[in-house]
Amino acid sequence: MPFVTRLTVKSGDGNVLEAVVGEIKSRAERKGVQLKGPHPRPPTRHSVPLYKGMAAQGTFDSWDYTVYTREIEIVDHNEFARQVAGRDYPDSIHIAVDVEQFSQTG
């Protein structure tokens, strides 16, 4: 039964995200791994209020930032998926891994 490993790669730095995703894609191509993606997701905007002190004495301008997301699916290459998920990445990169097993019909 084939496994599909879905990697969700997020970062606030779009350039670092593209470099990491591009490196994953090129490694997969060199090893002959079936890869779907990277699929870009719409960027999400976040706003964090910044307070001047512990008591509600007022606020500074809020901190606004954008998070960029790409999804990659690795089909039935468990060792490659394990290597990609276990690597060290820059601190600005967050990777979530979801593994699904599909049964053959028929």
PDB file of N, CA and C in Angstrom:
ATOM      1  N   MET A   1       0.836  -1.174   0.000  1.00  0.00           N
ATOM      2  CA  MET A   1       0.000   0.000   0.000  1.00  0.00           C
ATOM      3  C   MET A   1       0.884   1.241   0.000  1.00  0.00           C
ATOM      4  N   PRO A   2       0.638   2.134  -0.920  1.00  0.00           N
ATOM      5  CA  PRO A   2       1.506   3.315  -1.021  1.00  0.00           C
ATOM      6  C   PRO A   2       1.249   4.319   0.103  1.00  0.00           C
ATOM      7  N   PHE A   3       2.300   4.999   0.448  1.00  0.00           N
ATOM      8  CA  PHE A   3       2.240   6.077   1.425  1.00  0.00           C
ATOM      9  C   PHE A   3       2.432   7.400   0.693  1.00  0.00           C
ATOM     10  N   VAL A   4       1.712   8.417   1.141  1.00  0.00           N
ATOM     11  CA  VAL A   4       1.906   9.769   0.631  1.00  0.00           C
ATOM     12  C   VAL A   4       2.294  10.628   1.824  1.00  0.00           C
ATOM     13  N   THR A   5       3.458  11.238   1.734  1.00  0.00           N
ATOM     14  CA  THR A   5       3.942  12.133   2.786  1.00  0.00           C
ATOM     15  C   THR A   5       3.743  13.553   2.319  1.00  0.00           C
ATOM     16  N   ARG A   6       2.950  14.316   3.073  1.00  0.00           N
ATOM     17  CA  ARG A   6       2.674  15.709   2.727  1.00  0.00           C
ATOM     18  C   ARG A   6       3.489  16.602   3.649  1.00  0.00           C
ATOM     19  N   LEU A   7       4.355  17.408   3.039  1.00  0.00           N
ATOM     20  CA  LEU A   7       5.162  18.370   3.787  1.00  0.00           C
ATOM     21  C   LEU A   7       4.542  19.744   3.621  1.00  0.00           C
ATOM     22  N   THR A   8       4.289  20.413   4.720  1.00  0.00           N
ATOM     23  CA  THR A   8       3.827  21.793   4.691  1.00  0.00           C
ATOM     24  C   THR A   8       4.979  22.649   5.197  1.00  0.00           C
ATOM     25  N   VAL A   9       5.523  23.464   4.314  1.00  0.00           N
ATOM     26  CA  VAL A   9       6.697  24.279   4.626  1.00  0.00           C
ATOM     27  C   VAL A   9       6.236  25.727   4.745  1.00  0.00           C
ATOM     28  N   LYS A  10       6.521  26.357   5.899  1.00  0.00           N
ATOM     29  CA  LYS A  10       6.100  27.742   6.141  1.00  0.00           C
ATOM     30  C   LYS A  10       7.291  28.585   6.547  1.00  0.00           C
ATOM     31  N   SER A  11       7.219  29.873   6.175  1.00  0.00           N
ATOM     32  CA  SER A  11       8.261  30.806   6.568  1.00  0.00           C
ATOM     33  C   SER A  11       7.754  32.235   6.410  1.00  0.00           C
ATOM     34  N   GLY A  12       8.307  33.118   7.196  1.00  0.00           N
ATOM     35  CA  GLY A  12       8.035  34.534   7.046  1.00  0.00           C
ATOM     36  C   GLY A  12       8.969  35.179   6.035  1.00  0.00           C
ATOM     37  N   ASP A  13       9.968  34.443   5.603  1.00  0.00           N
ATOM     38  CA  ASP A  13      10.940  34.936   4.622  1.00  0.00           C
ATOM     39  C   ASP A  13      10.730  34.173   3.317  1.00  0.00           C
ATOM     40  N   GLY A  14      10.101  34.820   2.349  1.00  0.00           N
ATOM     41  CA  GLY A  14       9.776  34.165   1.087  1.00  0.00           C
ATOM     42  C   GLY A  14      10.988  33.667   0.323  1.00  0.00           C
ATOM     43  N   ASN A  15      12.099  34.400   0.384  1.00  0.00           N
ATOM     44  CA  ASN A  15      13.308  33.984  -0.336  1.00  0.00           C
ATOM     45  C   ASN A  15      13.906  32.715   0.244  1.00  0.00           C
ATOM     46  N   VAL A  16      13.955  32.628   1.565  1.00  0.00           N
ATOM     47  CA  VAL A  16      14.483  31.415   2.218  1.00  0.00           C
ATOM     48  C   VAL A  16      13.559  30.235   1.935  1.00  0.00           C
ATOM     49  N   LEU A  17      12.255  30.475   1.972  1.00  0.00           N
ATOM     50  CA  LEU A  17      11.291  29.418   1.680  1.00  0.00           C
ATOM     51  C   LEU A  17      11.494  28.872   0.275  1.00  0.00           C
ATOM     52  N   GLU A  18      11.614  29.754  -0.704  1.00  0.00           N
ATOM     53  CA  GLU A  18      11.817  29.309  -2.085  1.00  0.00           C
ATOM     54  C   GLU A  18      13.128  28.543  -2.247  1.00  0.00           C
ATOM     55  N   ALA A  19      14.175  28.962  -1.550  1.00  0.00           N
ATOM     56  CA  ALA A  19      15.459  28.257  -1.628  1.00  0.00           C
ATOM     57  C   ALA A  19      15.347  26.857  -1.055  1.00  0.00           C
ATOM     58  N   VAL A  20      14.690  26.713   0.086  1.00  0.00           N
ATOM     59  CA  VAL A  20      14.546  25.400   0.731  1.00  0.00           C
ATOM     60  C   VAL A  20      13.677  24.482  -0.128  1.00  0.00           C
ATOM     61  N   VAL A  21      12.547  24.990  -0.604  1.00  0.00           N
ATOM     62  CA  VAL A  21      11.649  24.180  -1.430  1.00  0.00           C
ATOM     63  C   VAL A  21      12.336  23.795  -2.749  1.00  0.00           C
ATOM     64  N   GLY A  22      13.064  24.710  -3.336  1.00  0.00           N
ATOM     65  CA  GLY A  22      13.798  24.409  -4.563  1.00  0.00           C
ATOM     66  C   GLY A  22      14.855  23.339  -4.348  1.00  0.00           C
ATOM     67  N   GLU A  23      15.522  23.382  -3.206  1.00  0.00           N
ATOM     68  CA  GLU A  23      16.546  22.380  -2.888  1.00  0.00           C
ATOM     69  C   GLU A  23      15.903  21.007  -2.692  1.00  0.00           C
ATOM     70  N   ILE A  24      14.740  20.947  -2.034  1.00  0.00           N
ATOM     71  CA  ILE A  24      14.024  19.678  -1.853  1.00  0.00           C
ATOM     72  C   ILE A  24      13.622  19.124  -3.218  1.00  0.00           C
ATOM     73  N   LYS A  25      13.114  19.985  -4.076  1.00  0.00           N
ATOM     74  CA  LYS A  25      12.674  19.562  -5.401  1.00  0.00           C
ATOM     75  C   LYS A  25      13.841  19.045  -6.246  1.00  0.00           C
ATOM     76  N   SER A  26      14.978  19.731  -6.206  1.00  0.00           N
ATOM     77  CA  SER A  26      16.123  19.273  -6.997  1.00  0.00           C
ATOM     78  C   SER A  26      16.684  17.953  -6.466  1.00  0.00           C
ATOM     79  N   ARG A  27      16.697  17.774  -5.140  1.00  0.00           N
ATOM     80  CA  ARG A  27      17.140  16.486  -4.581  1.00  0.00           C
ATOM     81  C   ARG A  27      16.223  15.363  -5.018  1.00  0.00           C
ATOM     82  N   ALA A  28      14.912  15.617  -5.045  1.00  0.00           N
ATOM     83  CA  ALA A  28      13.951  14.594  -5.471  1.00  0.00           C
ATOM     84  C   ALA A  28      14.165  14.228  -6.935  1.00  0.00           C
ATOM     85  N   GLU A  29      14.411  15.225  -7.768  1.00  0.00           N
ATOM     86  CA  GLU A  29      14.650  14.956  -9.191  1.00  0.00           C
ATOM     87  C   GLU A  29      15.907  14.126  -9.392  1.00  0.00           C
ATOM     88  N   ARG A  30      16.973  14.423  -8.639  1.00  0.00           N
ATOM     89  CA  ARG A  30      18.223  13.665  -8.768  1.00  0.00           C
ATOM     90  C   ARG A  30      18.045  12.212  -8.346  1.00  0.00           C
ATOM     91  N   LYS A  31      17.182  11.970  -7.348  1.00  0.00           N
ATOM     92  CA  LYS A  31      17.007  10.613  -6.830  1.00  0.00           C
ATOM     93  C   LYS A  31      15.856   9.877  -7.507  1.00  0.00           C
ATOM     94  N   GLY A  32      15.147  10.531  -8.424  1.00  0.00           N
ATOM     95  CA  GLY A  32      14.045   9.879  -9.126  1.00  0.00           C
ATOM     96  C   GLY A  32      12.806   9.700  -8.273  1.00  0.00           C
ATOM     97  N   VAL A  33      12.602  10.570  -7.322  1.00  0.00           N
ATOM     98  CA  VAL A  33      11.461  10.484  -6.409  1.00  0.00           C
ATOM     99  C   VAL A  33      10.258  11.175  -7.050  1.00  0.00           C
ATOM    100  N   GLN A  34       9.083  10.508  -6.972  1.00  0.00           N
ATOM    101  CA  GLN A  34       7.860  11.117  -7.480  1.00  0.00           C
ATOM    102  C   GLN A  34       7.407  12.190  -6.503  1.00  0.00           C
ATOM    103  N   LEU A  35       7.360  13.415  -6.979  1.00  0.00           N
ATOM    104  CA  LEU A  35       7.064  14.574  -6.137  1.00  0.00           C
ATOM    105  C   LEU A  35       5.931  15.363  -6.774  1.00  0.00           C
ATOM    106  N   LYS A  36       4.970  15.770  -5.959  1.00  0.00           N
ATOM    107  CA  LYS A  36       3.889  16.631  -6.438  1.00  0.00           C
ATOM    108  C   LYS A  36       4.026  17.973  -5.733  1.00  0.00           C
ATOM    109  N   GLY A  37       4.142  19.013  -6.502  1.00  0.00           N
ATOM    110  CA  GLY A  37       4.288  20.334  -5.905  1.00  0.00           C
ATOM    111  C   GLY A  37       5.630  20.915  -6.275  1.00  0.00           C
ATOM    112  N   PRO A  38       6.011  21.960  -5.648  1.00  0.00           N
ATOM    113  CA  PRO A  38       5.382  22.602  -4.498  1.00  0.00           C
ATOM    114  C   PRO A  38       4.144  23.403  -4.907  1.00  0.00           C
ATOM    115  N   HIS A  39       3.089  23.246  -4.105  1.00  0.00           N
ATOM    116  CA  HIS A  39       1.849  23.966  -4.321  1.00  0.00           C
ATOM    117  C   HIS A  39       1.842  25.184  -3.408  1.00  0.00           C
ATOM    118  N   PRO A  40       1.804  26.392  -3.989  1.00  0.00           N
ATOM    119  CA  PRO A  40       1.767  27.583  -3.136  1.00  0.00           C
ATOM    120  C   PRO A  40       0.375  27.783  -2.554  1.00  0.00           C
ATOM    121  N   ARG A  41       0.323  28.206  -1.326  1.00  0.00           N
ATOM    122  CA  ARG A  41      -0.928  28.592  -0.671  1.00  0.00           C
ATOM    123  C   ARG A  41      -0.931  30.105  -0.536  1.00  0.00           C
ATOM    124  N   PRO A  42      -2.107  30.711  -0.475  1.00  0.00           N
ATOM    125  CA  PRO A  42      -2.138  32.168  -0.321  1.00  0.00           C
ATOM    126  C   PRO A  42      -1.408  32.591   0.954  1.00  0.00           C
ATOM    127  N   PRO A  43      -0.610  33.641   0.892  1.00  0.00           N
ATOM    128  CA  PRO A  43       0.082  34.100   2.091  1.00  0.00           C
ATOM    129  C   PRO A  43      -0.926  34.595   3.132  1.00  0.00           C
ATOM    130  N   THR A  44      -0.601  34.390   4.384  1.00  0.00           N
ATOM    131  CA  THR A  44      -1.461  34.868   5.467  1.00  0.00           C
ATOM    132  C   THR A  44      -0.796  36.044   6.154  1.00  0.00           C
ATOM    133  N   ARG A  45      -1.582  37.075   6.441  1.00  0.00           N
ATOM    134  CA  ARG A  45      -1.091  38.276   7.119  1.00  0.00           C
ATOM    135  C   ARG A  45      -1.448  38.173   8.588  1.00  0.00           C
ATOM    136  N   HIS A  46      -0.507  38.531   9.444  1.00  0.00           N
ATOM    137  CA  HIS A  46      -0.712  38.503  10.889  1.00  0.00           C
ATOM    138  C   HIS A  46      -0.346  39.872  11.463  1.00  0.00           C
ATOM    139  N   SER A  47      -1.043  40.247  12.519  1.00  0.00           N
ATOM    140  CA  SER A  47      -0.779  41.507  13.190  1.00  0.00           C
ATOM    141  C   SER A  47      -0.731  41.246  14.691  1.00  0.00           C
ATOM    142  N   VAL A  48       0.345  41.670  15.327  1.00  0.00           N
ATOM    143  CA  VAL A  48       0.544  41.434  16.754  1.00  0.00           C
ATOM    144  C   VAL A  48       0.635  42.787  17.458  1.00  0.00           C
ATOM    145  N   PRO A  49      -0.249  43.029  18.445  1.00  0.00           N
ATOM    146  CA  PRO A  49      -0.160  44.300  19.161  1.00  0.00           C
ATOM    147  C   PRO A  49       1.073  44.324  20.069  1.00  0.00           C
ATOM    148  N   LEU A  50       1.699  45.475  20.188  1.00  0.00           N
ATOM    149  CA  LEU A  50       2.874  45.650  21.043  1.00  0.00           C
ATOM    150  C   LEU A  50       2.532  46.675  22.122  1.00  0.00           C
ATOM    151  N   TYR A  51       2.573  46.233  23.377  1.00  0.00           N
ATOM    152  CA  TYR A  51       2.213  47.100  24.495  1.00  0.00           C
ATOM    153  C   TYR A  51       3.448  47.785  25.078  1.00  0.00           C
ATOM    154  N   LYS A  52       3.273  48.993  25.583  1.00  0.00           N
ATOM    155  CA  LYS A  52       4.384  49.762  26.137  1.00  0.00           C
ATOM    156  C   LYS A  52       4.828  49.258  27.498  1.00  0.00           C
ATOM    157  N   GLY A  53       3.974  48.583  28.202  1.00  0.00           N
ATOM    158  CA  GLY A  53       4.337  48.074  29.524  1.00  0.00           C
ATOM    159  C   GLY A  53       3.387  46.972  29.949  1.00  0.00           C
ATOM    160  N   MET A  54       3.612  46.465  31.158  1.00  0.00           N
ATOM    161  CA  MET A  54       2.768  45.384  31.664  1.00  0.00           C
ATOM    162  C   MET A  54       1.346  45.878  31.934  1.00  0.00           C
ATOM    163  N   ALA A  55       1.227  47.086  32.453  1.00  0.00           N
ATOM    164  CA  ALA A  55      -0.099  47.670  32.645  1.00  0.00           C
ATOM    165  C   ALA A  55      -0.546  48.249  31.299  1.00  0.00           C
ATOM    166  N   ALA A  56      -1.809  48.337  31.090  1.00  0.00           N
ATOM    167  CA  ALA A  56      -2.335  48.818  29.810  1.00  0.00           C
ATOM    168  C   ALA A  56      -2.073  50.323  29.675  1.00  0.00           C
ATOM    169  N   GLN A  57      -0.802  50.681  29.431  1.00  0.00           N
ATOM    170  CA  GLN A  57      -0.402  52.077  29.340  1.00  0.00           C
ATOM    171  C   GLN A  57      -0.424  52.586  27.910  1.00  0.00           C
ATOM    172  N   GLY A  58      -0.830  51.787  27.002  1.00  0.00           N
ATOM    173  CA  GLY A  58      -0.833  52.178  25.604  1.00  0.00           C
ATOM    174  C   GLY A  58      -0.074  51.165  24.767  1.00  0.00           C
ATOM    175  N   THR A  59      -0.093  51.396  23.482  1.00  0.00           N
ATOM    176  CA  THR A  59       0.554  50.452  22.582  1.00  0.00           C
ATOM    177  C   THR A  59       1.436  51.185  21.579  1.00  0.00           C
ATOM    178  N   PHE A  60       2.403  50.453  21.077  1.00  0.00           N
ATOM    179  CA  PHE A  60       3.183  50.904  19.929  1.00  0.00           C
ATOM    180  C   PHE A  60       2.425  50.475  18.686  1.00  0.00           C
ATOM    181  N   ASP A  61       2.957  50.829  17.521  1.00  0.00           N
ATOM    182  CA  ASP A  61       2.372  50.306  16.287  1.00  0.00           C
ATOM    183  C   ASP A  61       2.474  48.785  16.315  1.00  0.00           C
ATOM    184  N   SER A  62       1.475  48.115  15.775  1.00  0.00           N
ATOM    185  CA  SER A  62       1.488  46.655  15.797  1.00  0.00           C
ATOM    186  C   SER A  62       2.573  46.119  14.867  1.00  0.00           C
ATOM    187  N   TRP A  63       2.978  44.901  15.158  1.00  0.00           N
ATOM    188  CA  TRP A  63       3.971  44.204  14.343  1.00  0.00           C
ATOM    189  C   TRP A  63       3.207  43.403  13.307  1.00  0.00           C
ATOM    190  N   ASP A  64       3.365  43.734  12.041  1.00  0.00           N
ATOM    191  CA  ASP A  64       2.686  43.037  10.952  1.00  0.00           C
ATOM    192  C   ASP A  64       3.686  42.178  10.194  1.00  0.00           C
ATOM    193  N   TYR A  65       3.274  40.952   9.898  1.00  0.00           N
ATOM    194  CA  TYR A  65       4.154  40.074   9.136  1.00  0.00           C
ATOM    195  C   TYR A  65       3.330  39.122   8.278  1.00  0.00           C
ATOM    196  N   THR A  66       3.967  38.529   7.294  1.00  0.00           N
ATOM    197  CA  THR A  66       3.330  37.621   6.350  1.00  0.00           C
ATOM    198  C   THR A  66       3.975  36.251   6.475  1.00  0.00           C
ATOM    199  N   VAL A  67       3.157  35.208   6.407  1.00  0.00           N
ATOM    200  CA  VAL A  67       3.659  33.834   6.417  1.00  0.00           C
ATOM    201  C   VAL A  67       3.348  33.218   5.052  1.00  0.00           C
ATOM    202  N   TYR A  68       4.388  32.691   4.417  1.00  0.00           N
ATOM    203  CA  TYR A  68       4.276  32.047   3.110  1.00  0.00           C
ATOM    204  C   TYR A  68       4.277  30.538   3.306  1.00  0.00           C
ATOM    205  N   THR A  69       3.450  29.829   2.513  1.00  0.00           N
ATOM    206  CA  THR A  69       3.285  28.386   2.679  1.00  0.00           C
ATOM    207  C   THR A  69       3.410  27.678   1.337  1.00  0.00           C
ATOM    208  N   ARG A  70       4.094  26.539   1.346  1.00  0.00           N
ATOM    209  CA  ARG A  70       4.172  25.647   0.187  1.00  0.00           C
ATOM    210  C   ARG A  70       3.879  24.231   0.683  1.00  0.00           C
ATOM    211  N   GLU A  71       3.157  23.459  -0.144  1.00  0.00           N
ATOM    212  CA  GLU A  71       2.897  22.056   0.176  1.00  0.00           C
ATOM    213  C   GLU A  71       3.553  21.174  -0.877  1.00  0.00           C
ATOM    214  N   ILE A  72       4.185  20.118  -0.397  1.00  0.00           N
ATOM    215  CA  ILE A  72       4.863  19.152  -1.264  1.00  0.00           C
ATOM    216  C   ILE A  72       4.368  17.767  -0.875  1.00  0.00           C
ATOM    217  N   GLU A  73       4.058  16.948  -1.874  1.00  0.00           N
ATOM    218  CA  GLU A  73       3.662  15.565  -1.626  1.00  0.00           C
ATOM    219  C   GLU A  73       4.722  14.631  -2.195  1.00  0.00           C
ATOM    220  N   ILE A  74       5.176  13.715  -1.355  1.00  0.00           N
ATOM    221  CA  ILE A  74       6.153  12.703  -1.760  1.00  0.00           C
ATOM    222  C   ILE A  74       5.407  11.381  -1.798  1.00  0.00           C
ATOM    223  N   VAL A  75       5.370  10.760  -2.971  1.00  0.00           N
ATOM    224  CA  VAL A  75       4.578   9.554  -3.162  1.00  0.00           C
ATOM    225  C   VAL A  75       5.458   8.320  -3.063  1.00  0.00           C
ATOM    226  N   ASP A  76       5.215   7.538  -2.020  1.00  0.00           N
ATOM    227  CA  ASP A  76       5.786   6.188  -1.859  1.00  0.00           C
ATOM    228  C   ASP A  76       7.314   6.125  -1.860  1.00  0.00           C
ATOM    229  N   HIS A  77       7.970   7.130  -1.367  1.00  0.00           N
ATOM    230  CA  HIS A  77       9.424   7.106  -1.169  1.00  0.00           C
ATOM    231  C   HIS A  77       9.681   7.473   0.291  1.00  0.00           C
ATOM    232  N   ASN A  78       9.430   6.506   1.163  1.00  0.00           N
ATOM    233  CA  ASN A  78       9.450   6.759   2.602  1.00  0.00           C
ATOM    234  C   ASN A  78      10.816   7.190   3.114  1.00  0.00           C
ATOM    235  N   GLU A  79      11.871   6.594   2.617  1.00  0.00           N
ATOM    236  CA  GLU A  79      13.218   6.935   3.099  1.00  0.00           C
ATOM    237  C   GLU A  79      13.580   8.369   2.722  1.00  0.00           C
ATOM    238  N   PHE A  80      13.263   8.767   1.501  1.00  0.00           N
ATOM    239  CA  PHE A  80      13.530  10.142   1.083  1.00  0.00           C
ATOM    240  C   PHE A  80      12.712  11.109   1.932  1.00  0.00           C
ATOM    241  N   ALA A  81      11.433  10.807   2.155  1.00  0.00           N
ATOM    242  CA  ALA A  81      10.575  11.675   2.974  1.00  0.00           C
ATOM    243  C   ALA A  81      11.128  11.795   4.387  1.00  0.00           C
ATOM    244  N   ARG A  82      11.616  10.703   4.938  1.00  0.00           N
ATOM    245  CA  ARG A  82      12.199  10.720   6.289  1.00  0.00           C
ATOM    246  C   ARG A  82      13.449  11.591   6.326  1.00  0.00           C
ATOM    247  N   GLN A  83      14.276  11.494   5.292  1.00  0.00           N
ATOM    248  CA  GLN A  83      15.482  12.321   5.232  1.00  0.00           C
ATOM    249  C   GLN A  83      15.141  13.803   5.131  1.00  0.00           C
ATOM    250  N   VAL A  84      14.165  14.145   4.301  1.00  0.00           N
ATOM    251  CA  VAL A  84      13.774  15.542   4.129  1.00  0.00           C
ATOM    252  C   VAL A  84      13.188  16.098   5.428  1.00  0.00           C
ATOM    253  N   ALA A  85      12.316  15.330   6.067  1.00  0.00           N
ATOM    254  CA  ALA A  85      11.668  15.802   7.297  1.00  0.00           C
ATOM    255  C   ALA A  85      12.651  15.911   8.457  1.00  0.00           C
ATOM    256  N   GLY A  86      13.689  15.097   8.458  1.00  0.00           N
ATOM    257  CA  GLY A  86      14.628  15.079   9.573  1.00  0.00           C
ATOM    258  C   GLY A  86      15.806  16.023   9.447  1.00  0.00           C
ATOM    259  N   ARG A  87      15.934  16.707   8.322  1.00  0.00           N
ATOM    260  CA  ARG A  87      17.072  17.608   8.117  1.00  0.00           C
ATOM    261  C   ARG A  87      16.957  18.852   8.981  1.00  0.00           C
ATOM    262  N   ASP A  88      18.092  19.509   9.179  1.00  0.00           N
ATOM    263  CA  ASP A  88      18.105  20.802   9.859  1.00  0.00           C
ATOM    264  C   ASP A  88      17.894  21.892   8.815  1.00  0.00           C
ATOM    265  N   TYR A  89      16.993  22.802   9.121  1.00  0.00           N
ATOM    266  CA  TYR A  89      16.681  23.912   8.230  1.00  0.00           C
ATOM    267  C   TYR A  89      16.930  25.218   8.966  1.00  0.00           C
ATOM    268  N   PRO A  90      16.966  26.325   8.236  1.00  0.00           N
ATOM    269  CA  PRO A  90      17.133  27.618   8.909  1.00  0.00           C
ATOM    270  C   PRO A  90      16.020  27.841   9.937  1.00  0.00           C
ATOM    271  N   ASP A  91      16.311  28.659  10.943  1.00  0.00           N
ATOM    272  CA  ASP A  91      15.346  28.908  12.008  1.00  0.00           C
ATOM    273  C   ASP A  91      14.037  29.508  11.494  1.00  0.00           C
ATOM    274  N   SER A  92      14.077  30.183  10.363  1.00  0.00           N
ATOM    275  CA  SER A  92      12.871  30.823   9.843  1.00  0.00           C
ATOM    276  C   SER A  92      11.949  29.848   9.108  1.00  0.00           C
ATOM    277  N   ILE A  93      12.340  28.575   9.002  1.00  0.00           N
ATOM    278  CA  ILE A  93      11.549  27.570   8.295  1.00  0.00           C
ATOM    279  C   ILE A  93      10.864  26.651   9.298  1.00  0.00           C
ATOM    280  N   HIS A  94       9.566  26.410   9.076  1.00  0.00           N
ATOM    281  CA  HIS A  94       8.809  25.451   9.884  1.00  0.00           C
ATOM    282  C   HIS A  94       8.244  24.395   8.940  1.00  0.00           C
ATOM    283  N   ILE A  95       8.473  23.125   9.264  1.00  0.00           N
ATOM    284  CA  ILE A  95       7.982  22.031   8.426  1.00  0.00           C
ATOM    285  C   ILE A  95       7.062  21.149   9.254  1.00  0.00           C
ATOM    286  N   ALA A  96       5.860  20.917   8.723  1.00  0.00           N
ATOM    287  CA  ALA A  96       4.921  19.970   9.319  1.00  0.00           C
ATOM    288  C   ALA A  96       4.801  18.781   8.372  1.00  0.00           C
ATOM    289  N   VAL A  97       4.739  17.577   8.929  1.00  0.00           N
ATOM    290  CA  VAL A  97       4.708  16.355   8.132  1.00  0.00           C
ATOM    291  C   VAL A  97       3.419  15.597   8.432  1.00  0.00           C
ATOM    292  N   ASP A  98       2.741  15.165   7.375  1.00  0.00           N
ATOM    293  CA  ASP A  98       1.534  14.364   7.504  1.00  0.00           C
ATOM    294  C   ASP A  98       1.682  13.164   6.576  1.00  0.00           C
ATOM    295  N   VAL A  99       1.519  11.958   7.121  1.00  0.00           N
ATOM    296  CA  VAL A  99       1.690  10.736   6.334  1.00  0.00           C
ATOM    297  C   VAL A  99       0.334  10.041   6.220  1.00  0.00           C
ATOM    298  N   GLU A 100      -0.037   9.689   4.984  1.00  0.00           N
ATOM    299  CA  GLU A 100      -1.283   8.963   4.736  1.00  0.00           C
ATOM    300  C   GLU A 100      -0.956   7.681   4.007  1.00  0.00           C
ATOM    301  N   GLN A 101      -1.674   6.618   4.349  1.00  0.00           N
ATOM    302  CA  GLN A 101      -1.526   5.342   3.667  1.00  0.00           C
ATOM    303  C   GLN A 101      -2.795   5.086   2.859  1.00  0.00           C
ATOM    304  N   PHE A 102      -2.621   4.797   1.584  1.00  0.00           N
ATOM    305  CA  PHE A 102      -3.762   4.544   0.705  1.00  0.00           C
ATOM    306  C   PHE A 102      -3.807   3.065   0.377  1.00  0.00           C
ATOM    307  N   SER A 103      -5.010   2.481   0.433  1.00  0.00           N
ATOM    308  CA  SER A 103      -5.176   1.079   0.066  1.00  0.00           C
ATOM    309  C   SER A 103      -5.569   1.008  -1.395  1.00  0.00           C
ATOM    310  N   GLN A 104      -5.140  -0.069  -2.033  1.00  0.00           N
ATOM    311  CA  GLN A 104      -5.449  -0.270  -3.448  1.00  0.00           C
ATOM    312  C   GLN A 104      -6.894  -0.750  -3.551  1.00  0.00           C
ATOM    313  N   THR A 105      -7.643  -0.210  -4.489  1.00  0.00           N
ATOM    314  CA  THR A 105      -9.023  -0.651  -4.714  1.00  0.00           C
ATOM    315  C   THR A 105      -9.034  -1.715  -5.795  1.00  0.00           C
ATOM    316  N   GLY A 106      -9.938  -2.669  -5.651  1.00  0.00           N
ATOM    317  CA  GLY A 106     -10.074  -3.659  -6.705  1.00  0.00           C
ATOM    318  C   GLY A 106      -9.652  -4.965  -6.349  1.00  0.00           C
TER     319      GLY A 106
END
